[in-house]
Amino acid sequence: MNKLLVFTGLLFVLSAGAYAEPNLTLVTSSPTEGGGQEYSVTLKILLFMTVLTFIPAAVIMMTSFTRIVIVLTILKQALGTQQVPPGQIILGLSLFLSLFIMMPVLERTYNDAIEPYLDEKISGEVAFKKAQAPIRTFMMEQTRETDLALFSGFANKEQYESPDDIPMSILVPAFITSELKTAFQIGFLIFVPFVVIDLVVASILMSMGMMMLSPMLISMPFKLMLFVLVDGWSLLMGTLVASFAI
């Protein structure tokens, strides 16, 4: 856990390390004609602050978070419980399950990049490149070749000699597209049993002439009972984790 906290706190330092030295001067001063001093923020700080704005997007779009949160949201819709579980619970569960799945990647990043950088064994630029390697490997394993070919064609670069030659500008959107496809495939398989229950309940109510009674009101207890009886949460969590083949 300590390594994870250090990794989260210093990720932006590595991102800015490609542009700045470890000893970063925050403010520069220059003498004025009247004998005073003029202070200004350096360009490195502006680059540093710019990099910070991309960290939330990187955490969401370059990890397993996207697939997990979409699947859990689809499950919520399939159960018909609009307020249960709350959105905060879904986001929190997605975040911590993503941390569990990404832990091997985080540990490798810490050992190969962050720890040597903190020990001043490597420069910020080298640490930044080493930190990319585990994340690139993870994304490549989850990205379909068709999606890579799609965005490579958009960039007018049809072939690469090795996966390491694929730039992040192509890998990231291809990874996101693959994650969306996989999430909706899993969500479809989850949705089908609950749709069947809704259809059966609606047919029974129509045959009994209960047109004014909402089928969703009657089917919800049966869907919840089915989900609990099959230990749905354990099955779903196990399926999500196994889908990343960690």
C-alpha atoms as a PDB file:
ATOM      1  CA  MET A   1       0.000   0.000   0.000  1.00  0.00           C
ATOM      2  CA  ASN A   2       2.885   2.379   0.754  1.00  0.00           C
ATOM      3  CA  LYS A   3       4.293   1.739  -2.719  1.00  0.00           C
ATOM      4  CA  LEU A   4       0.904   2.454  -4.227  1.00  0.00           C
ATOM      5  CA  LEU A   5       0.600   5.759  -2.372  1.00  0.00           C
ATOM      6  CA  VAL A   6       4.076   6.769  -3.435  1.00  0.00           C
ATOM      7  CA  PHE A   7       3.299   5.800  -7.021  1.00  0.00           C
ATOM      8  CA  THR A   8       0.127   7.885  -7.053  1.00  0.00           C
ATOM      9  CA  GLY A   9       1.802  10.877  -5.478  1.00  0.00           C
ATOM     10  CA  LEU A  10       4.844  10.870  -7.758  1.00  0.00           C
ATOM     11  CA  LEU A  11       3.283   9.945 -11.094  1.00  0.00           C
ATOM     12  CA  PHE A  12       3.057  13.574 -12.087  1.00  0.00           C
ATOM     13  CA  VAL A  13       6.712  14.071 -11.104  1.00  0.00           C
ATOM     14  CA  LEU A  14       7.760  11.408 -13.615  1.00  0.00           C
ATOM     15  CA  SER A  15       5.502  12.934 -16.243  1.00  0.00           C
ATOM     16  CA  ALA A  16       7.134  16.288 -15.767  1.00  0.00           C
ATOM     17  CA  GLY A  17      10.577  14.747 -15.476  1.00  0.00           C
ATOM     18  CA  ALA A  18      10.886  14.521 -19.240  1.00  0.00           C
ATOM     19  CA  TYR A  19      10.898  18.311 -19.328  1.00  0.00           C
ATOM     20  CA  ALA A  20      12.565  19.336 -16.077  1.00  0.00           C
ATOM     21  CA  GLU A  21      15.495  18.476 -13.861  1.00  0.00           C
ATOM     22  CA  PRO A  22      14.907  17.055 -10.337  1.00  0.00           C
ATOM     23  CA  ASN A  23      15.966  20.396  -8.757  1.00  0.00           C
ATOM     24  CA  LEU A  24      13.256  22.583 -10.207  1.00  0.00           C
ATOM     25  CA  THR A  25      13.317  26.372  -9.764  1.00  0.00           C
ATOM     26  CA  LEU A  26       9.791  27.557  -9.126  1.00  0.00           C
ATOM     27  CA  VAL A  27      10.314  31.297  -9.504  1.00  0.00           C
ATOM     28  CA  THR A  28      12.992  33.267 -11.292  1.00  0.00           C
ATOM     29  CA  SER A  29      13.905  36.855 -10.527  1.00  0.00           C
ATOM     30  CA  SER A  30      15.584  39.517 -12.615  1.00  0.00           C
ATOM     31  CA  PRO A  31      16.710  43.065 -11.665  1.00  0.00           C
ATOM     32  CA  THR A  32      14.719  46.035 -12.912  1.00  0.00           C
ATOM     33  CA  GLU A  33      15.943  49.476 -13.901  1.00  0.00           C
ATOM     34  CA  GLY A  34      14.833  51.026 -10.611  1.00  0.00           C
ATOM     35  CA  GLY A  35      16.911  48.610  -8.550  1.00  0.00           C
ATOM     36  CA  GLY A  36      14.010  46.290  -7.728  1.00  0.00           C
ATOM     37  CA  GLN A  37      13.335  42.657  -8.597  1.00  0.00           C
ATOM     38  CA  GLU A  38      10.895  41.196 -11.116  1.00  0.00           C
ATOM     39  CA  TYR A  39       9.599  37.691 -10.446  1.00  0.00           C
ATOM     40  CA  SER A  40       8.202  35.262 -13.030  1.00  0.00           C
ATOM     41  CA  VAL A  41       7.157  31.616 -13.176  1.00  0.00           C
ATOM     42  CA  THR A  42       9.414  29.534 -15.402  1.00  0.00           C
ATOM     43  CA  LEU A  43       8.227  27.711 -18.492  1.00  0.00           C
ATOM     44  CA  LYS A  44       9.007  24.408 -16.811  1.00  0.00           C
ATOM     45  CA  ILE A  45       6.377  25.083 -14.179  1.00  0.00           C
ATOM     46  CA  LEU A  46       3.793  25.796 -16.860  1.00  0.00           C
ATOM     47  CA  LEU A  47       4.619  22.460 -18.494  1.00  0.00           C
ATOM     48  CA  PHE A  48       4.458  20.822 -15.080  1.00  0.00           C
ATOM     49  CA  MET A  49       0.984  22.187 -14.365  1.00  0.00           C
ATOM     50  CA  THR A  50      -0.185  21.229 -17.852  1.00  0.00           C
ATOM     51  CA  VAL A  51       0.872  17.623 -17.297  1.00  0.00           C
ATOM     52  CA  LEU A  52      -1.108  17.524 -14.042  1.00  0.00           C
ATOM     53  CA  THR A  53      -4.371  18.126 -15.893  1.00  0.00           C
ATOM     54  CA  PHE A  54      -3.924  14.918 -17.913  1.00  0.00           C
ATOM     55  CA  ILE A  55      -3.394  12.610 -14.932  1.00  0.00           C
ATOM     56  CA  PRO A  56      -7.119  11.939 -14.170  1.00  0.00           C
ATOM     57  CA  ALA A  57      -7.765  11.114 -17.818  1.00  0.00           C
ATOM     58  CA  ALA A  58      -4.739   8.809 -17.867  1.00  0.00           C
ATOM     59  CA  VAL A  59      -5.871   6.978 -14.724  1.00  0.00           C
ATOM     60  CA  ILE A  60      -9.354   6.443 -16.160  1.00  0.00           C
ATOM     61  CA  MET A  61      -8.569   5.739 -19.811  1.00  0.00           C
ATOM     62  CA  MET A  62      -5.286   3.804 -19.579  1.00  0.00           C
ATOM     63  CA  THR A  63      -6.305   1.278 -16.911  1.00  0.00           C
ATOM     64  CA  SER A  64      -9.034  -1.305 -16.352  1.00  0.00           C
ATOM     65  CA  PHE A  65     -11.367   1.333 -14.896  1.00  0.00           C
ATOM     66  CA  THR A  66     -13.372   1.938 -18.078  1.00  0.00           C
ATOM     67  CA  ARG A  67     -14.414  -1.679 -18.577  1.00  0.00           C
ATOM     68  CA  ILE A  68     -15.351  -2.201 -14.938  1.00  0.00           C
ATOM     69  CA  VAL A  69     -17.451   0.931 -14.485  1.00  0.00           C
ATOM     70  CA  ILE A  70     -19.394   0.297 -17.731  1.00  0.00           C
ATOM     71  CA  VAL A  71     -20.175  -3.317 -16.796  1.00  0.00           C
ATOM     72  CA  LEU A  72     -21.340  -2.341 -13.310  1.00  0.00           C
ATOM     73  CA  THR A  73     -23.512   0.438 -14.738  1.00  0.00           C
ATOM     74  CA  ILE A  74     -25.119  -1.988 -17.209  1.00  0.00           C
ATOM     75  CA  LEU A  75     -25.776  -4.415 -14.345  1.00  0.00           C
ATOM     76  CA  LYS A  76     -27.517  -1.645 -12.434  1.00  0.00           C
ATOM     77  CA  GLN A  77     -29.749  -0.940 -15.441  1.00  0.00           C
ATOM     78  CA  ALA A  78     -30.474  -4.650 -15.948  1.00  0.00           C
ATOM     79  CA  LEU A  79     -31.590  -5.088 -12.352  1.00  0.00           C
ATOM     80  CA  GLY A  80     -33.894  -2.101 -12.693  1.00  0.00           C
ATOM     81  CA  THR A  81     -32.664  -0.560  -9.443  1.00  0.00           C
ATOM     82  CA  GLN A  82     -32.080   3.030 -10.482  1.00  0.00           C
ATOM     83  CA  GLN A  83     -30.739   4.193  -7.116  1.00  0.00           C
ATOM     84  CA  VAL A  84     -29.142   0.999  -5.776  1.00  0.00           C
ATOM     85  CA  PRO A  85     -26.208   0.698  -5.608  1.00  0.00           C
ATOM     86  CA  PRO A  86     -25.504   4.447  -5.591  1.00  0.00           C
ATOM     87  CA  GLY A  87     -23.225   5.923  -8.206  1.00  0.00           C
ATOM     88  CA  GLN A  88     -20.550   6.626  -5.581  1.00  0.00           C
ATOM     89  CA  ILE A  89     -20.467   2.936  -4.662  1.00  0.00           C
ATOM     90  CA  ILE A  90     -20.060   1.911  -8.309  1.00  0.00           C
ATOM     91  CA  LEU A  91     -17.234   4.410  -8.819  1.00  0.00           C
ATOM     92  CA  GLY A  92     -15.504   3.363  -5.598  1.00  0.00           C
ATOM     93  CA  LEU A  93     -15.825  -0.331  -6.396  1.00  0.00           C
ATOM     94  CA  SER A  94     -14.530   0.271  -9.924  1.00  0.00           C
ATOM     95  CA  LEU A  95     -11.572   2.236  -8.585  1.00  0.00           C
ATOM     96  CA  PHE A  96     -10.453  -0.315  -5.997  1.00  0.00           C
ATOM     97  CA  LEU A  97     -11.041  -3.270  -8.309  1.00  0.00           C
ATOM     98  CA  SER A  98      -8.941  -1.437 -10.905  1.00  0.00           C
ATOM     99  CA  LEU A  99      -6.185  -0.998  -8.312  1.00  0.00           C
ATOM    100  CA  PHE A 100      -6.299  -4.735  -7.631  1.00  0.00           C
ATOM    101  CA  ILE A 101      -6.050  -5.566 -11.339  1.00  0.00           C
ATOM    102  CA  MET A 102      -3.363  -2.963 -12.032  1.00  0.00           C
ATOM    103  CA  MET A 103      -1.235  -3.826  -8.973  1.00  0.00           C
ATOM    104  CA  PRO A 104       1.326  -5.926 -10.938  1.00  0.00           C
ATOM    105  CA  VAL A 105       1.712  -3.026 -13.377  1.00  0.00           C
ATOM    106  CA  LEU A 106       2.085  -0.509 -10.540  1.00  0.00           C
ATOM    107  CA  GLU A 107       4.655  -2.639  -8.731  1.00  0.00           C
ATOM    108  CA  ARG A 108       6.730  -3.051 -11.877  1.00  0.00           C
ATOM    109  CA  THR A 109       6.518   0.683 -12.556  1.00  0.00           C
ATOM    110  CA  TYR A 110       7.617   1.460  -9.020  1.00  0.00           C
ATOM    111  CA  ASN A 111      10.548  -0.971  -9.096  1.00  0.00           C
ATOM    112  CA  ASP A 112      11.772  -0.061 -12.575  1.00  0.00           C
ATOM    113  CA  ALA A 113      11.145   3.684 -12.676  1.00  0.00           C
ATOM    114  CA  ILE A 114      10.063   5.424  -9.481  1.00  0.00           C
ATOM    115  CA  GLU A 115      12.431   3.806  -6.993  1.00  0.00           C
ATOM    116  CA  PRO A 116      15.565   4.357  -9.146  1.00  0.00           C
ATOM    117  CA  TYR A 117      14.411   7.920  -9.811  1.00  0.00           C
ATOM    118  CA  LEU A 118      13.988   8.626  -6.092  1.00  0.00           C
ATOM    119  CA  ASP A 119      17.436   7.149  -5.456  1.00  0.00           C
ATOM    120  CA  GLU A 120      18.800   9.483  -8.174  1.00  0.00           C
ATOM    121  CA  LYS A 121      20.104   6.525 -10.183  1.00  0.00           C
ATOM    122  CA  ILE A 122      18.305   7.581 -13.355  1.00  0.00           C
ATOM    123  CA  SER A 123      17.131  10.886 -14.750  1.00  0.00           C
ATOM    124  CA  GLY A 124      13.527  11.997 -15.018  1.00  0.00           C
ATOM    125  CA  GLU A 125      13.443  11.372 -18.762  1.00  0.00           C
ATOM    126  CA  VAL A 126      14.719   7.802 -18.395  1.00  0.00           C
ATOM    127  CA  ALA A 127      12.292   7.151 -15.535  1.00  0.00           C
ATOM    128  CA  PHE A 128       9.432   8.443 -17.666  1.00  0.00           C
ATOM    129  CA  LYS A 129      10.314   6.025 -20.470  1.00  0.00           C
ATOM    130  CA  LYS A 130      10.694   3.099 -18.073  1.00  0.00           C
ATOM    131  CA  ALA A 131       7.348   3.922 -16.444  1.00  0.00           C
ATOM    132  CA  GLN A 132       5.644   3.697 -19.828  1.00  0.00           C
ATOM    133  CA  ALA A 133       6.798   0.133 -20.534  1.00  0.00           C
ATOM    134  CA  PRO A 134       4.536  -1.780 -18.068  1.00  0.00           C
ATOM    135  CA  ILE A 135       1.517   0.337 -18.998  1.00  0.00           C
ATOM    136  CA  ARG A 136       2.172  -0.166 -22.717  1.00  0.00           C
ATOM    137  CA  THR A 137       2.428  -3.931 -22.183  1.00  0.00           C
ATOM    138  CA  PHE A 138      -0.874  -3.990 -20.310  1.00  0.00           C
ATOM    139  CA  MET A 139      -2.670  -1.956 -22.957  1.00  0.00           C
ATOM    140  CA  MET A 140      -1.227  -4.013 -25.820  1.00  0.00           C
ATOM    141  CA  GLU A 141      -2.515  -7.231 -24.239  1.00  0.00           C
ATOM    142  CA  GLN A 142      -6.053  -5.817 -24.040  1.00  0.00           C
ATOM    143  CA  THR A 143      -6.138  -4.095 -27.437  1.00  0.00           C
ATOM    144  CA  ARG A 144      -7.507  -5.770 -30.541  1.00  0.00           C
ATOM    145  CA  GLU A 145      -5.380  -5.814 -33.656  1.00  0.00           C
ATOM    146  CA  THR A 146      -8.305  -4.505 -35.697  1.00  0.00           C
ATOM    147  CA  ASP A 147      -8.512  -1.404 -33.514  1.00  0.00           C
ATOM    148  CA  LEU A 148      -4.778  -0.821 -33.804  1.00  0.00           C
ATOM    149  CA  ALA A 149      -5.041  -1.185 -37.567  1.00  0.00           C
ATOM    150  CA  LEU A 150      -7.967   1.243 -37.619  1.00  0.00           C
ATOM    151  CA  PHE A 151      -6.147   4.091 -35.883  1.00  0.00           C
ATOM    152  CA  SER A 152      -2.888   3.296 -37.662  1.00  0.00           C
ATOM    153  CA  GLY A 153      -4.742   3.763 -40.922  1.00  0.00           C
ATOM    154  CA  PHE A 154      -6.132   7.075 -39.747  1.00  0.00           C
ATOM    155  CA  ALA A 155      -2.553   8.164 -38.990  1.00  0.00           C
ATOM    156  CA  ASN A 156      -1.356   6.905 -42.413  1.00  0.00           C
ATOM    157  CA  LYS A 157       1.018   4.449 -40.739  1.00  0.00           C
ATOM    158  CA  GLU A 158      -0.099   0.984 -41.744  1.00  0.00           C
ATOM    159  CA  GLN A 159       2.747  -1.164 -40.362  1.00  0.00           C
ATOM    160  CA  TYR A 160       5.167  -1.140 -37.440  1.00  0.00           C
ATOM    161  CA  GLU A 161       8.183  -3.369 -37.012  1.00  0.00           C
ATOM    162  CA  SER A 162       7.386  -4.134 -33.353  1.00  0.00           C
ATOM    163  CA  PRO A 163       4.749  -3.250 -30.752  1.00  0.00           C
ATOM    164  CA  ASP A 164       7.261  -0.915 -29.095  1.00  0.00           C
ATOM    165  CA  ASP A 165       7.207   1.260 -32.212  1.00  0.00           C
ATOM    166  CA  ILE A 166       3.481   2.006 -31.858  1.00  0.00           C
ATOM    167  CA  PRO A 167       3.132   5.552 -30.474  1.00  0.00           C
ATOM    168  CA  MET A 168       0.879   6.281 -27.524  1.00  0.00           C
ATOM    169  CA  SER A 169      -1.218   8.559 -29.740  1.00  0.00           C
ATOM    170  CA  ILE A 170      -2.385   5.412 -31.582  1.00  0.00           C
ATOM    171  CA  LEU A 171      -2.249   2.884 -28.748  1.00  0.00           C
ATOM    172  CA  VAL A 172      -4.410   4.839 -26.279  1.00  0.00           C
ATOM    173  CA  PRO A 173      -7.489   5.399 -28.525  1.00  0.00           C
ATOM    174  CA  ALA A 174      -7.203   1.814 -29.811  1.00  0.00           C
ATOM    175  CA  PHE A 175      -7.110   0.545 -26.224  1.00  0.00           C
ATOM    176  CA  ILE A 176     -10.128   2.632 -25.238  1.00  0.00           C
ATOM    177  CA  THR A 177     -12.096   1.376 -28.252  1.00  0.00           C
ATOM    178  CA  SER A 178     -11.270  -2.233 -27.398  1.00  0.00           C
ATOM    179  CA  GLU A 179     -12.253  -1.697 -23.771  1.00  0.00           C
ATOM    180  CA  LEU A 180     -15.624  -0.272 -24.810  1.00  0.00           C
ATOM    181  CA  LYS A 181     -16.277  -3.252 -27.079  1.00  0.00           C
ATOM    182  CA  THR A 182     -15.346  -5.757 -24.393  1.00  0.00           C
ATOM    183  CA  ALA A 183     -17.399  -3.954 -21.744  1.00  0.00           C
ATOM    184  CA  PHE A 184     -20.525  -3.966 -23.897  1.00  0.00           C
ATOM    185  CA  GLN A 185     -20.031  -7.642 -24.772  1.00  0.00           C
ATOM    186  CA  ILE A 186     -19.889  -8.564 -21.075  1.00  0.00           C
ATOM    187  CA  GLY A 187     -22.810  -6.241 -20.366  1.00  0.00           C
ATOM    188  CA  PHE A 188     -24.906  -7.910 -23.077  1.00  0.00           C
ATOM    189  CA  LEU A 189     -24.362 -11.355 -21.543  1.00  0.00           C
ATOM    190  CA  ILE A 190     -25.366  -9.968 -18.145  1.00  0.00           C
ATOM    191  CA  PHE A 191     -28.440  -8.194 -19.497  1.00  0.00           C
ATOM    192  CA  VAL A 192     -30.004 -11.155 -21.346  1.00  0.00           C
ATOM    193  CA  PRO A 193     -31.192 -13.239 -18.314  1.00  0.00           C
ATOM    194  CA  PHE A 194     -32.868 -10.214 -16.748  1.00  0.00           C
ATOM    195  CA  VAL A 195     -34.609  -9.325 -20.022  1.00  0.00           C
ATOM    196  CA  VAL A 196     -35.991 -12.871 -20.142  1.00  0.00           C
ATOM    197  CA  ILE A 197     -37.423 -12.447 -16.644  1.00  0.00           C
ATOM    198  CA  ASP A 198     -39.043  -9.147 -17.676  1.00  0.00           C
ATOM    199  CA  LEU A 199     -40.605 -10.772 -20.747  1.00  0.00           C
ATOM    200  CA  VAL A 200     -41.967 -13.724 -18.758  1.00  0.00           C
ATOM    201  CA  VAL A 201     -43.470 -11.480 -16.096  1.00  0.00           C
ATOM    202  CA  ALA A 202     -44.971  -9.135 -18.714  1.00  0.00           C
ATOM    203  CA  SER A 203     -46.538 -12.084 -20.581  1.00  0.00           C
ATOM    204  CA  ILE A 204     -48.052 -13.479 -17.396  1.00  0.00           C
ATOM    205  CA  LEU A 205     -49.509 -10.105 -16.414  1.00  0.00           C
ATOM    206  CA  MET A 206     -51.008  -9.616 -19.885  1.00  0.00           C
ATOM    207  CA  SER A 207     -52.562 -13.103 -19.847  1.00  0.00           C
ATOM    208  CA  MET A 208     -54.118 -12.314 -16.454  1.00  0.00           C
ATOM    209  CA  GLY A 209     -55.478  -9.009 -17.742  1.00  0.00           C
ATOM    210  CA  MET A 210     -53.433  -6.888 -15.339  1.00  0.00           C
ATOM    211  CA  MET A 211     -52.621  -4.180 -17.839  1.00  0.00           C
ATOM    212  CA  MET A 212     -52.282  -1.386 -15.292  1.00  0.00           C
ATOM    213  CA  LEU A 213     -49.674  -3.182 -13.155  1.00  0.00           C
ATOM    214  CA  SER A 214     -46.063  -2.351 -14.037  1.00  0.00           C
ATOM    215  CA  PRO A 215     -44.110  -5.485 -15.059  1.00  0.00           C
ATOM    216  CA  MET A 216     -40.918  -3.898 -13.709  1.00  0.00           C
ATOM    217  CA  LEU A 217     -42.436  -3.697 -10.242  1.00  0.00           C
ATOM    218  CA  ILE A 218     -43.183  -7.422 -10.224  1.00  0.00           C
ATOM    219  CA  SER A 219     -40.025  -8.628 -11.970  1.00  0.00           C
ATOM    220  CA  MET A 220     -37.567  -6.727  -9.786  1.00  0.00           C
ATOM    221  CA  PRO A 221     -37.849  -9.063  -6.742  1.00  0.00           C
ATOM    222  CA  PHE A 222     -37.364 -12.081  -9.012  1.00  0.00           C
ATOM    223  CA  LYS A 223     -34.282 -10.530 -10.634  1.00  0.00           C
ATOM    224  CA  LEU A 224     -32.808  -9.685  -7.250  1.00  0.00           C
ATOM    225  CA  MET A 225     -33.549 -13.189  -5.994  1.00  0.00           C
ATOM    226  CA  LEU A 226     -31.887 -14.739  -9.063  1.00  0.00           C
ATOM    227  CA  PHE A 227     -28.843 -12.508  -8.694  1.00  0.00           C
ATOM    228  CA  VAL A 228     -28.448 -13.386  -5.010  1.00  0.00           C
ATOM    229  CA  LEU A 229     -29.023 -17.122  -5.473  1.00  0.00           C
ATOM    230  CA  VAL A 230     -26.305 -17.456  -8.091  1.00  0.00           C
ATOM    231  CA  ASP A 231     -23.931 -15.321  -5.963  1.00  0.00           C
ATOM    232  CA  GLY A 232     -23.918 -12.725  -8.687  1.00  0.00           C
ATOM    233  CA  TRP A 233     -21.442 -10.297  -7.158  1.00  0.00           C
ATOM    234  CA  SER A 234     -18.737 -12.946  -6.771  1.00  0.00           C
ATOM    235  CA  LEU A 235     -19.357 -14.242 -10.295  1.00  0.00           C
ATOM    236  CA  LEU A 236     -19.252 -10.742 -11.756  1.00  0.00           C
ATOM    237  CA  MET A 237     -16.091  -9.704  -9.906  1.00  0.00           C
ATOM    238  CA  GLY A 238     -14.400 -12.958 -10.864  1.00  0.00           C
ATOM    239  CA  THR A 239     -15.411 -12.519 -14.505  1.00  0.00           C
ATOM    240  CA  LEU A 240     -14.082  -8.965 -14.632  1.00  0.00           C
ATOM    241  CA  VAL A 241     -10.767  -9.912 -13.084  1.00  0.00           C
ATOM    242  CA  ALA A 242     -10.413 -13.003 -15.295  1.00  0.00           C
ATOM    243  CA  SER A 243     -11.187 -10.929 -18.402  1.00  0.00           C
ATOM    244  CA  PHE A 244      -7.854  -9.149 -17.895  1.00  0.00           C
ATOM    245  CA  ALA A 245      -6.002 -12.464 -17.480  1.00  0.00           C
ATOM    246  CA  ILE A 246      -3.849 -11.275 -14.589  1.00  0.00           C
END
